[in-house]
């Protein structure tokens, strides 16, 4: 699942790169999530407590805390935890931003962006 979501994420981002839409809010809101697909980058950003890390960690924390609402994420969350990618609550995102991010990840889980 991790590999499929990683490929889907990259395909999602490439759609914006090809159309030169890097200022699109949908691109901007998902950009920080590249760190969950690069362990060295994750560890660096975690140690530095960067804004990207805080955003990603908050979404992961929210999903994990509400896993009964997001059962489709259970395997993916387990795979992240196996890589020591674990959420924390930082309260840096609005509810709307979290909803949009989760909606995008649901599309990845449904193979919308997978080739």
C-alpha atoms as a PDB file:
ATOM      1  CA  UNK A   1       0.000   0.000   0.000  1.00  0.00           C
ATOM      2  CA  UNK A   2       2.816   2.427   0.884  1.00  0.00           C
ATOM      3  CA  UNK A   3       4.350   2.049  -2.581  1.00  0.00           C
ATOM      4  CA  UNK A   4       1.014   2.567  -4.314  1.00  0.00           C
ATOM      5  CA  UNK A   5       0.262   5.702  -2.320  1.00  0.00           C
ATOM      6  CA  UNK A   6       3.775   7.004  -2.937  1.00  0.00           C
ATOM      7  CA  UNK A   7       3.353   6.532  -6.697  1.00  0.00           C
ATOM      8  CA  UNK A   8      -0.120   8.074  -6.569  1.00  0.00           C
ATOM      9  CA  UNK A   9       1.214  11.050  -4.628  1.00  0.00           C
ATOM     10  CA  UNK A  10       3.972  11.573  -7.191  1.00  0.00           C
ATOM     11  CA  UNK A  11       1.474  11.310 -10.063  1.00  0.00           C
ATOM     12  CA  UNK A  12      -0.796  13.799  -8.300  1.00  0.00           C
ATOM     13  CA  UNK A  13       2.059  16.293  -7.951  1.00  0.00           C
ATOM     14  CA  UNK A  14       3.175  15.731 -11.552  1.00  0.00           C
ATOM     15  CA  UNK A  15      -0.280  16.720 -12.803  1.00  0.00           C
ATOM     16  CA  UNK A  16       0.302  20.158 -11.297  1.00  0.00           C
ATOM     17  CA  UNK A  17       3.892  20.360 -12.534  1.00  0.00           C
ATOM     18  CA  UNK A  18       2.858  19.564 -16.104  1.00  0.00           C
ATOM     19  CA  UNK A  19       0.127  22.177 -16.078  1.00  0.00           C
ATOM     20  CA  UNK A  20       2.398  24.692 -14.307  1.00  0.00           C
ATOM     21  CA  UNK A  21      -0.149  25.093 -11.510  1.00  0.00           C
ATOM     22  CA  UNK A  22       2.235  25.179  -8.551  1.00  0.00           C
ATOM     23  CA  UNK A  23       0.233  27.990  -6.975  1.00  0.00           C
ATOM     24  CA  UNK A  24      -2.920  25.834  -6.864  1.00  0.00           C
ATOM     25  CA  UNK A  25      -4.053  25.342  -3.272  1.00  0.00           C
ATOM     26  CA  UNK A  26      -4.517  21.609  -3.880  1.00  0.00           C
ATOM     27  CA  UNK A  27      -0.833  21.332  -4.802  1.00  0.00           C
ATOM     28  CA  UNK A  28       0.347  23.550  -1.957  1.00  0.00           C
ATOM     29  CA  UNK A  29      -1.632  21.708   0.715  1.00  0.00           C
ATOM     30  CA  UNK A  30      -0.229  18.311  -0.338  1.00  0.00           C
ATOM     31  CA  UNK A  31       3.371  19.321  -0.989  1.00  0.00           C
ATOM     32  CA  UNK A  32       4.602  18.763   2.608  1.00  0.00           C
ATOM     33  CA  UNK A  33       3.625  15.098   2.428  1.00  0.00           C
ATOM     34  CA  UNK A  34       6.631  14.256   0.296  1.00  0.00           C
ATOM     35  CA  UNK A  35       8.532  13.793   3.570  1.00  0.00           C
ATOM     36  CA  UNK A  36       6.663  10.586   4.412  1.00  0.00           C
ATOM     37  CA  UNK A  37       8.159   9.012   1.304  1.00  0.00           C
ATOM     38  CA  UNK A  38      11.761   9.861   2.192  1.00  0.00           C
ATOM     39  CA  UNK A  39      12.852   8.600   5.618  1.00  0.00           C
ATOM     40  CA  UNK A  40      15.973  10.786   5.779  1.00  0.00           C
ATOM     41  CA  UNK A  41      13.911  13.862   4.973  1.00  0.00           C
ATOM     42  CA  UNK A  42      11.263  12.832   7.530  1.00  0.00           C
ATOM     43  CA  UNK A  43      13.896  12.438  10.256  1.00  0.00           C
ATOM     44  CA  UNK A  44      15.562  15.738   9.385  1.00  0.00           C
ATOM     45  CA  UNK A  45      12.303  17.677   9.361  1.00  0.00           C
ATOM     46  CA  UNK A  46      11.171  15.964  12.557  1.00  0.00           C
ATOM     47  CA  UNK A  47      14.400  16.912  14.331  1.00  0.00           C
ATOM     48  CA  UNK A  48      14.092  20.493  13.085  1.00  0.00           C
ATOM     49  CA  UNK A  49      10.345  20.626  13.861  1.00  0.00           C
ATOM     50  CA  UNK A  50       9.756  22.284  10.496  1.00  0.00           C
ATOM     51  CA  UNK A  51       6.379  23.582   9.420  1.00  0.00           C
ATOM     52  CA  UNK A  52       6.104  20.743   6.898  1.00  0.00           C
ATOM     53  CA  UNK A  53       6.734  18.187   9.623  1.00  0.00           C
ATOM     54  CA  UNK A  54       4.130  19.769  11.892  1.00  0.00           C
ATOM     55  CA  UNK A  55       1.478  19.723   9.167  1.00  0.00           C
ATOM     56  CA  UNK A  56       2.119  16.116   8.200  1.00  0.00           C
ATOM     57  CA  UNK A  57       2.413  14.919  11.796  1.00  0.00           C
ATOM     58  CA  UNK A  58      -0.862  16.630  12.700  1.00  0.00           C
ATOM     59  CA  UNK A  59      -2.774  14.910   9.895  1.00  0.00           C
ATOM     60  CA  UNK A  60      -1.308  11.525  10.846  1.00  0.00           C
ATOM     61  CA  UNK A  61      -2.185  12.147  14.489  1.00  0.00           C
ATOM     62  CA  UNK A  62      -5.744  13.085  13.524  1.00  0.00           C
ATOM     63  CA  UNK A  63      -6.235  10.022  11.335  1.00  0.00           C
ATOM     64  CA  UNK A  64      -4.789   7.709  13.977  1.00  0.00           C
ATOM     65  CA  UNK A  65      -6.971   9.244  16.671  1.00  0.00           C
ATOM     66  CA  UNK A  66     -10.055   8.741  14.514  1.00  0.00           C
ATOM     67  CA  UNK A  67      -9.107   5.473  12.850  1.00  0.00           C
ATOM     68  CA  UNK A  68     -12.644   4.092  13.274  1.00  0.00           C
ATOM     69  CA  UNK A  69     -13.803   6.846  10.910  1.00  0.00           C
ATOM     70  CA  UNK A  70     -10.930   6.141   8.533  1.00  0.00           C
ATOM     71  CA  UNK A  71     -10.697   2.349   8.455  1.00  0.00           C
ATOM     72  CA  UNK A  72      -9.412   2.496   4.887  1.00  0.00           C
ATOM     73  CA  UNK A  73      -6.251   4.123   6.280  1.00  0.00           C
ATOM     74  CA  UNK A  74      -5.493   1.375   8.794  1.00  0.00           C
ATOM     75  CA  UNK A  75      -2.942  -0.546   6.700  1.00  0.00           C
ATOM     76  CA  UNK A  76      -1.277   2.632   5.448  1.00  0.00           C
ATOM     77  CA  UNK A  77      -0.964   3.983   8.991  1.00  0.00           C
ATOM     78  CA  UNK A  78       0.527   0.687  10.120  1.00  0.00           C
ATOM     79  CA  UNK A  79       3.078   0.870   7.294  1.00  0.00           C
ATOM     80  CA  UNK A  80       4.023   4.417   8.292  1.00  0.00           C
ATOM     81  CA  UNK A  81       4.408   3.408  11.926  1.00  0.00           C
ATOM     82  CA  UNK A  82       6.662   0.525  10.835  1.00  0.00           C
ATOM     83  CA  UNK A  83       8.892   3.219   9.299  1.00  0.00           C
ATOM     84  CA  UNK A  84       8.720   5.218  12.554  1.00  0.00           C
ATOM     85  CA  UNK A  85       6.553   7.874  10.902  1.00  0.00           C
ATOM     86  CA  UNK A  86       4.170   8.741  13.696  1.00  0.00           C
ATOM     87  CA  UNK A  87       1.883  11.716  14.123  1.00  0.00           C
ATOM     88  CA  UNK A  88       1.875  14.437  16.737  1.00  0.00           C
ATOM     89  CA  UNK A  89      -0.678  17.116  17.457  1.00  0.00           C
ATOM     90  CA  UNK A  90       0.517  20.629  16.657  1.00  0.00           C
ATOM     91  CA  UNK A  91      -2.747  22.457  15.868  1.00  0.00           C
ATOM     92  CA  UNK A  92      -1.299  24.160  12.805  1.00  0.00           C
ATOM     93  CA  UNK A  93      -3.990  23.136  10.305  1.00  0.00           C
ATOM     94  CA  UNK A  94      -7.576  24.193   9.959  1.00  0.00           C
ATOM     95  CA  UNK A  95     -10.317  21.578   9.875  1.00  0.00           C
ATOM     96  CA  UNK A  96     -10.877  22.421   6.216  1.00  0.00           C
ATOM     97  CA  UNK A  97      -7.228  21.790   5.352  1.00  0.00           C
ATOM     98  CA  UNK A  98      -7.256  18.445   7.164  1.00  0.00           C
ATOM     99  CA  UNK A  99     -10.441  17.441   5.341  1.00  0.00           C
ATOM    100  CA  UNK A 100      -8.931  18.354   1.971  1.00  0.00           C
ATOM    101  CA  UNK A 101      -5.749  16.409   2.703  1.00  0.00           C
ATOM    102  CA  UNK A 102      -7.699  13.358   3.833  1.00  0.00           C
ATOM    103  CA  UNK A 103      -9.892  13.596   0.734  1.00  0.00           C
ATOM    104  CA  UNK A 104      -6.762  13.527  -1.430  1.00  0.00           C
ATOM    105  CA  UNK A 105      -5.361  10.519   0.412  1.00  0.00           C
ATOM    106  CA  UNK A 106      -8.681   8.732  -0.050  1.00  0.00           C
ATOM    107  CA  UNK A 107      -8.277   9.305  -3.794  1.00  0.00           C
ATOM    108  CA  UNK A 108      -4.794   7.770  -3.565  1.00  0.00           C
ATOM    109  CA  UNK A 109      -6.230   4.793  -1.694  1.00  0.00           C
ATOM    110  CA  UNK A 110      -8.900   4.418  -4.382  1.00  0.00           C
ATOM    111  CA  UNK A 111      -6.130   4.367  -7.026  1.00  0.00           C
ATOM    112  CA  UNK A 112      -7.390   7.519  -8.700  1.00  0.00           C
ATOM    113  CA  UNK A 113      -3.822   8.674  -9.434  1.00  0.00           C
ATOM    114  CA  UNK A 114      -2.139   5.313  -9.760  1.00  0.00           C
ATOM    115  CA  UNK A 115      -0.848   4.095 -13.121  1.00  0.00           C
END
